[in-house]
Amino acid sequence: MVFLVAALLVMGVVLGTVAHTPLPVTLAGAAFIAIWLSLFTAREVRARGRRN
């Protein structure tokens, strides 16, 4: 999952989309997405445990 976030960030920099925003803003956005994905994964794992 962290690899996915890093890959998207690198792709954005290469394509120039993220290059127009300051680095701290980009890193804050990447951290937000990583936390969001982590919480979603934890919720799904917990829900799957209840179904089984």
N, C-alpha and C. Protein backbone atom coordinates (compact mmCIF):
# COMPACT_ATOMS: atom_id res chain seq x y z
N MET A 1 0.83 -1.18 0.00
CA MET A 1 0.00 0.00 0.00
C MET A 1 0.88 1.25 0.00
N VAL A 2 1.92 1.24 0.81
CA VAL A 2 2.83 2.38 0.83
C VAL A 2 3.52 2.49 -0.53
N PHE A 3 3.82 1.33 -1.12
CA PHE A 3 4.42 1.32 -2.46
C PHE A 3 3.49 1.98 -3.47
N LEU A 4 2.20 1.71 -3.35
CA LEU A 4 1.23 2.31 -4.27
C LEU A 4 1.20 3.83 -4.13
N VAL A 5 1.18 4.32 -2.91
CA VAL A 5 1.17 5.77 -2.68
C VAL A 5 2.45 6.39 -3.22
N ALA A 6 3.59 5.74 -2.96
CA ALA A 6 4.86 6.26 -3.47
C ALA A 6 4.90 6.24 -4.99
N ALA A 7 4.38 5.18 -5.59
CA ALA A 7 4.36 5.09 -7.05
C ALA A 7 3.49 6.19 -7.66
N LEU A 8 2.34 6.45 -7.05
CA LEU A 8 1.47 7.51 -7.55
C LEU A 8 2.12 8.88 -7.39
N LEU A 9 2.81 9.08 -6.29
CA LEU A 9 3.50 10.36 -6.07
C LEU A 9 4.60 10.55 -7.11
N VAL A 10 5.39 9.50 -7.35
CA VAL A 10 6.46 9.60 -8.35
C VAL A 10 5.87 9.82 -9.74
N MET A 11 4.81 9.12 -10.05
CA MET A 11 4.16 9.30 -11.36
C MET A 11 3.66 10.74 -11.50
N GLY A 12 3.08 11.28 -10.44
CA GLY A 12 2.60 12.66 -10.49
C GLY A 12 3.73 13.65 -10.70
N VAL A 13 4.85 13.41 -10.06
CA VAL A 13 6.00 14.31 -10.23
C VAL A 13 6.53 14.21 -11.66
N VAL A 14 6.62 12.98 -12.16
CA VAL A 14 7.13 12.79 -13.52
C VAL A 14 6.19 13.45 -14.54
N LEU A 15 4.91 13.31 -14.34
CA LEU A 15 3.96 13.89 -15.28
C LEU A 15 3.79 15.39 -15.10
N GLY A 16 4.25 15.93 -13.99
CA GLY A 16 4.21 17.37 -13.79
C GLY A 16 3.00 17.87 -13.02
N THR A 17 2.09 16.99 -12.65
CA THR A 17 0.90 17.44 -11.94
C THR A 17 1.25 17.96 -10.56
N VAL A 18 2.06 17.22 -9.85
CA VAL A 18 2.41 17.59 -8.48
C VAL A 18 3.54 18.61 -8.46
N ALA A 19 4.22 18.78 -9.57
CA ALA A 19 5.36 19.69 -9.62
C ALA A 19 4.96 21.14 -9.41
N HIS A 20 3.69 21.45 -9.59
CA HIS A 20 3.23 22.83 -9.46
C HIS A 20 2.81 23.18 -8.04
N THR A 21 2.78 22.20 -7.16
CA THR A 21 2.45 22.46 -5.76
C THR A 21 3.72 22.35 -4.92
N PRO A 22 3.78 23.07 -3.82
CA PRO A 22 4.96 22.98 -2.96
C PRO A 22 5.13 21.56 -2.40
N LEU A 23 6.36 21.18 -2.15
CA LEU A 23 6.66 19.84 -1.65
C LEU A 23 5.94 19.52 -0.34
N PRO A 24 5.88 20.43 0.65
CA PRO A 24 5.15 20.10 1.88
C PRO A 24 3.67 19.80 1.65
N VAL A 25 3.05 20.49 0.70
CA VAL A 25 1.65 20.24 0.39
C VAL A 25 1.51 18.85 -0.23
N THR A 26 2.41 18.51 -1.11
CA THR A 26 2.40 17.20 -1.75
C THR A 26 2.59 16.09 -0.72
N LEU A 27 3.54 16.27 0.17
CA LEU A 27 3.79 15.25 1.19
C LEU A 27 2.62 15.14 2.17
N ALA A 28 2.00 16.27 2.48
CA ALA A 28 0.82 16.23 3.36
C ALA A 28 -0.33 15.48 2.67
N GLY A 29 -0.52 15.72 1.40
CA GLY A 29 -1.55 14.99 0.66
C GLY A 29 -1.25 13.50 0.59
N ALA A 30 0.00 13.16 0.36
CA ALA A 30 0.38 11.74 0.32
C ALA A 30 0.17 11.08 1.68
N ALA A 31 0.50 11.80 2.74
CA ALA A 31 0.30 11.25 4.09
C ALA A 31 -1.19 11.06 4.38
N PHE A 32 -2.00 12.02 3.96
CA PHE A 32 -3.44 11.91 4.15
C PHE A 32 -4.00 10.69 3.43
N ILE A 33 -3.57 10.48 2.19
CA ILE A 33 -4.05 9.33 1.42
C ILE A 33 -3.58 8.03 2.07
N ALA A 34 -2.34 7.99 2.55
CA ALA A 34 -1.83 6.78 3.19
C ALA A 34 -2.62 6.46 4.46
N ILE A 35 -2.93 7.47 5.25
CA ILE A 35 -3.72 7.26 6.47
C ILE A 35 -5.13 6.80 6.12
N TRP A 36 -5.71 7.42 5.11
CA TRP A 36 -7.05 7.07 4.68
C TRP A 36 -7.11 5.61 4.21
N LEU A 37 -6.13 5.19 3.41
CA LEU A 37 -6.08 3.80 2.96
C LEU A 37 -5.83 2.83 4.11
N SER A 38 -5.02 3.23 5.08
CA SER A 38 -4.75 2.37 6.24
C SER A 38 -6.02 2.17 7.07
N LEU A 39 -6.75 3.25 7.30
CA LEU A 39 -8.00 3.14 8.07
C LEU A 39 -9.03 2.30 7.32
N PHE A 40 -9.12 2.48 6.01
CA PHE A 40 -10.06 1.69 5.22
C PHE A 40 -9.69 0.20 5.27
N THR A 41 -8.40 -0.10 5.16
CA THR A 41 -7.94 -1.49 5.22
C THR A 41 -8.24 -2.10 6.58
N ALA A 42 -7.97 -1.37 7.63
CA ALA A 42 -8.24 -1.88 8.98
C ALA A 42 -9.73 -2.14 9.16
N ARG A 43 -10.56 -1.25 8.66
CA ARG A 43 -12.00 -1.44 8.77
C ARG A 43 -12.47 -2.67 8.00
N GLU A 44 -11.93 -2.87 6.80
CA GLU A 44 -12.31 -4.03 5.99
C GLU A 44 -11.84 -5.33 6.62
N VAL A 45 -10.65 -5.33 7.17
CA VAL A 45 -10.12 -6.54 7.81
C VAL A 45 -10.98 -6.88 9.03
N ARG A 46 -11.35 -5.88 9.80
CA ARG A 46 -12.18 -6.10 10.97
C ARG A 46 -13.57 -6.62 10.57
N ALA A 47 -14.12 -6.06 9.50
CA ALA A 47 -15.44 -6.49 9.04
C ALA A 47 -15.39 -7.91 8.49
N ARG A 48 -14.29 -8.27 7.83
CA ARG A 48 -14.15 -9.62 7.29
C ARG A 48 -14.04 -10.62 8.44
N GLY A 49 -13.41 -10.22 9.52
CA GLY A 49 -13.28 -11.10 10.68
C GLY A 49 -14.63 -11.39 11.32
N ARG A 50 -15.54 -10.45 11.27
CA ARG A 50 -16.87 -10.64 11.84
C ARG A 50 -17.73 -11.56 10.98
N ARG A 51 -17.50 -11.52 9.66
CA ARG A 51 -18.30 -12.36 8.76
C ARG A 51 -17.94 -13.83 8.86
N ASN A 52 -16.69 -14.12 9.14
CA ASN A 52 -16.23 -15.53 9.18
C ASN A 52 -16.49 -16.18 10.51
